[in-house]
Amino acid sequence: MAGLKAKLTKRTVDAAQPPATGDIEIWDTELKGFCLRVTRAGTKTYAVKFRTGRAQRWLTIGRHGSPWTAGKARDKAREVLNSAANGEDPAQAKLDARDALTVAELIDAYLAD
């Protein structure tokens, strides 16, 4: 079922049914690279596919539901695509932020010094 295309709206997201096996991706017709992934378990997640240099990358925006609606996720995907067009790698930035020190680790390092 690869290659499904539709404008991602609340109606189309709510109507998306989980596949019998694997995952499906419903690609937005309004913004190239933006899609909704639906897993076999019924989880609906917004994602964006982009290129930085020669590398093709994916960035998961978030699960459908508060705060992510189709419109807000499309706006975030647009930001990601603009960043990638300017030579940045938003997926790597997300990984770097995840690996940054937490407040507890900073306090421990401060007390150790």
C-alpha atoms as a PDB file:
ATOM      1  CA  MET A   1       0.000   0.000   0.000  1.00  0.00           C
ATOM      2  CA  ALA A   2       2.935   2.343  -0.446  1.00  0.00           C
ATOM      3  CA  GLY A   3       2.324   5.541  -2.311  1.00  0.00           C
ATOM      4  CA  LEU A   4      -0.986   6.661  -0.814  1.00  0.00           C
ATOM      5  CA  LYS A   5      -1.494  10.387  -1.354  1.00  0.00           C
ATOM      6  CA  ALA A   6      -4.052  12.795   0.093  1.00  0.00           C
ATOM      7  CA  LYS A   7      -4.165  16.230   1.625  1.00  0.00           C
ATOM      8  CA  LEU A   8      -3.586  15.556   5.306  1.00  0.00           C
ATOM      9  CA  THR A   9      -6.508  17.011   7.205  1.00  0.00           C
ATOM     10  CA  LYS A  10      -8.247  15.986  10.405  1.00  0.00           C
ATOM     11  CA  ARG A  11     -10.766  14.036   8.367  1.00  0.00           C
ATOM     12  CA  THR A  12      -8.175  12.062   6.382  1.00  0.00           C
ATOM     13  CA  VAL A  13      -6.054  11.372   9.481  1.00  0.00           C
ATOM     14  CA  ASP A  14      -9.056  10.146  11.463  1.00  0.00           C
ATOM     15  CA  ALA A  15     -10.181   7.981   8.532  1.00  0.00           C
ATOM     16  CA  ALA A  16      -6.765   6.317   8.115  1.00  0.00           C
ATOM     17  CA  GLN A  17      -7.058   2.658   9.090  1.00  0.00           C
ATOM     18  CA  PRO A  18      -4.183   0.516  10.374  1.00  0.00           C
ATOM     19  CA  PRO A  19      -2.803  -1.936   7.810  1.00  0.00           C
ATOM     20  CA  ALA A  20      -2.951  -5.702   8.299  1.00  0.00           C
ATOM     21  CA  THR A  21       0.847  -5.915   8.243  1.00  0.00           C
ATOM     22  CA  GLY A  22       3.668  -3.398   8.455  1.00  0.00           C
ATOM     23  CA  ASP A  23       3.195   0.366   8.287  1.00  0.00           C
ATOM     24  CA  ILE A  24       1.647   2.639   5.702  1.00  0.00           C
ATOM     25  CA  GLU A  25       2.592   6.173   4.785  1.00  0.00           C
ATOM     26  CA  ILE A  26       0.069   8.676   3.509  1.00  0.00           C
ATOM     27  CA  TRP A  27       1.920  11.469   1.702  1.00  0.00           C
ATOM     28  CA  ASP A  28       0.571  15.001   1.824  1.00  0.00           C
ATOM     29  CA  THR A  29      -0.326  16.463  -1.560  1.00  0.00           C
ATOM     30  CA  GLU A  30       0.202  20.027  -0.311  1.00  0.00           C
ATOM     31  CA  LEU A  31       3.772  19.740   1.056  1.00  0.00           C
ATOM     32  CA  LYS A  32       6.294  17.423  -0.565  1.00  0.00           C
ATOM     33  CA  GLY A  33       8.111  15.210   1.963  1.00  0.00           C
ATOM     34  CA  PHE A  34       5.433  15.433   4.680  1.00  0.00           C
ATOM     35  CA  CYS A  35       3.558  12.255   5.594  1.00  0.00           C
ATOM     36  CA  LEU A  36       1.452  10.428   8.133  1.00  0.00           C
ATOM     37  CA  ARG A  37       2.683   7.000   9.216  1.00  0.00           C
ATOM     38  CA  VAL A  38       0.105   4.524  10.456  1.00  0.00           C
ATOM     39  CA  THR A  39       1.376   1.412  12.223  1.00  0.00           C
ATOM     40  CA  ARG A  40      -0.318  -1.946  12.461  1.00  0.00           C
ATOM     41  CA  ALA A  41      -1.154  -1.109  16.098  1.00  0.00           C
ATOM     42  CA  GLY A  42      -3.003   2.021  14.947  1.00  0.00           C
ATOM     43  CA  THR A  43      -0.428   4.625  16.029  1.00  0.00           C
ATOM     44  CA  LYS A  44      -0.529   7.699  13.789  1.00  0.00           C
ATOM     45  CA  THR A  45       2.661   9.719  13.575  1.00  0.00           C
ATOM     46  CA  TYR A  46       3.610  12.748  11.485  1.00  0.00           C
ATOM     47  CA  ALA A  47       7.022  12.669   9.804  1.00  0.00           C
ATOM     48  CA  VAL A  48       9.025  14.537   7.196  1.00  0.00           C
ATOM     49  CA  LYS A  49      11.562  13.187   4.717  1.00  0.00           C
ATOM     50  CA  PHE A  50      14.298  15.518   3.480  1.00  0.00           C
ATOM     51  CA  ARG A  51      17.801  15.643   2.042  1.00  0.00           C
ATOM     52  CA  THR A  52      20.922  17.247   3.446  1.00  0.00           C
ATOM     53  CA  GLY A  53      23.687  17.058   0.882  1.00  0.00           C
ATOM     54  CA  ARG A  54      23.489  13.545  -0.500  1.00  0.00           C
ATOM     55  CA  ALA A  55      22.017  12.032   2.644  1.00  0.00           C
ATOM     56  CA  GLN A  56      18.313  11.325   2.845  1.00  0.00           C
ATOM     57  CA  ARG A  57      16.941  11.758   6.371  1.00  0.00           C
ATOM     58  CA  TRP A  58      13.697  11.274   8.277  1.00  0.00           C
ATOM     59  CA  LEU A  59      12.494  13.381  11.172  1.00  0.00           C
ATOM     60  CA  THR A  60       9.558  12.300  13.285  1.00  0.00           C
ATOM     61  CA  ILE A  61       7.469  15.311  14.224  1.00  0.00           C
ATOM     62  CA  GLY A  62       5.136  13.677  16.728  1.00  0.00           C
ATOM     63  CA  ARG A  63       2.088  11.524  17.347  1.00  0.00           C
ATOM     64  CA  HIS A  64      -1.299  12.647  16.146  1.00  0.00           C
ATOM     65  CA  GLY A  65      -3.262  14.276  18.936  1.00  0.00           C
ATOM     66  CA  SER A  66      -2.616  17.132  21.289  1.00  0.00           C
ATOM     67  CA  PRO A  67      -0.548  19.183  20.457  1.00  0.00           C
ATOM     68  CA  TRP A  68       0.008  17.794  16.933  1.00  0.00           C
ATOM     69  CA  THR A  69      -2.762  18.379  14.455  1.00  0.00           C
ATOM     70  CA  ALA A  70      -2.289  17.981  10.717  1.00  0.00           C
ATOM     71  CA  GLY A  71      -1.946  21.756  10.293  1.00  0.00           C
ATOM     72  CA  LYS A  72       0.595  22.237  13.095  1.00  0.00           C
ATOM     73  CA  ALA A  73       2.604  19.239  11.921  1.00  0.00           C
ATOM     74  CA  ARG A  74       2.593  20.622   8.349  1.00  0.00           C
ATOM     75  CA  ASP A  75       3.934  23.949   9.661  1.00  0.00           C
ATOM     76  CA  LYS A  76       6.702  22.132  11.571  1.00  0.00           C
ATOM     77  CA  ALA A  77       7.517  20.067   8.461  1.00  0.00           C
ATOM     78  CA  ARG A  78       7.770  23.284   6.463  1.00  0.00           C
ATOM     79  CA  GLU A  79      10.290  24.632   9.031  1.00  0.00           C
ATOM     80  CA  VAL A  80      12.318  21.411   8.800  1.00  0.00           C
ATOM     81  CA  LEU A  81      12.354  21.526   5.006  1.00  0.00           C
ATOM     82  CA  ASN A  82      13.420  25.194   5.051  1.00  0.00           C
ATOM     83  CA  SER A  83      16.260  24.390   7.467  1.00  0.00           C
ATOM     84  CA  ALA A  84      17.393  21.520   5.262  1.00  0.00           C
ATOM     85  CA  ALA A  85      17.281  23.791   2.207  1.00  0.00           C
ATOM     86  CA  ASN A  86      19.619  26.197   4.056  1.00  0.00           C
ATOM     87  CA  GLY A  87      22.173  23.414   4.576  1.00  0.00           C
ATOM     88  CA  GLU A  88      21.260  22.514   8.153  1.00  0.00           C
ATOM     89  CA  ASP A  89      20.447  19.000   9.386  1.00  0.00           C
ATOM     90  CA  PRO A  90      17.389  19.193  11.674  1.00  0.00           C
ATOM     91  CA  ALA A  91      17.515  15.457  12.452  1.00  0.00           C
ATOM     92  CA  GLN A  92      21.113  15.762  13.705  1.00  0.00           C
ATOM     93  CA  ALA A  93      20.180  18.830  15.733  1.00  0.00           C
ATOM     94  CA  LYS A  94      17.441  16.798  17.422  1.00  0.00           C
ATOM     95  CA  LEU A  95      19.946  14.019  18.231  1.00  0.00           C
ATOM     96  CA  ASP A  96      22.457  16.535  19.599  1.00  0.00           C
ATOM     97  CA  ALA A  97      19.807  18.073  21.853  1.00  0.00           C
ATOM     98  CA  ARG A  98      18.924  14.623  23.158  1.00  0.00           C
ATOM     99  CA  ASP A  99      22.576  13.933  24.031  1.00  0.00           C
ATOM    100  CA  ALA A 100      23.065  17.261  25.836  1.00  0.00           C
ATOM    101  CA  LEU A 101      23.700  17.264  29.565  1.00  0.00           C
ATOM    102  CA  THR A 102      20.690  17.296  31.857  1.00  0.00           C
ATOM    103  CA  VAL A 103      20.360  19.676  34.804  1.00  0.00           C
ATOM    104  CA  ALA A 104      21.099  16.811  37.208  1.00  0.00           C
ATOM    105  CA  GLU A 105      24.302  15.954  35.326  1.00  0.00           C
ATOM    106  CA  LEU A 106      25.364  19.619  35.360  1.00  0.00           C
ATOM    107  CA  ILE A 107      24.790  19.804  39.122  1.00  0.00           C
ATOM    108  CA  ASP A 108      26.819  16.630  39.681  1.00  0.00           C
ATOM    109  CA  ALA A 109      29.662  17.997  37.543  1.00  0.00           C
ATOM    110  CA  TYR A 110      29.555  21.311  39.436  1.00  0.00           C
ATOM    111  CA  LEU A 111      29.656  19.578  42.819  1.00  0.00           C
ATOM    112  CA  ALA A 112      32.486  17.293  41.668  1.00  0.00           C
ATOM    113  CA  ASP A 113      34.606  20.308  40.678  1.00  0.00           C
END
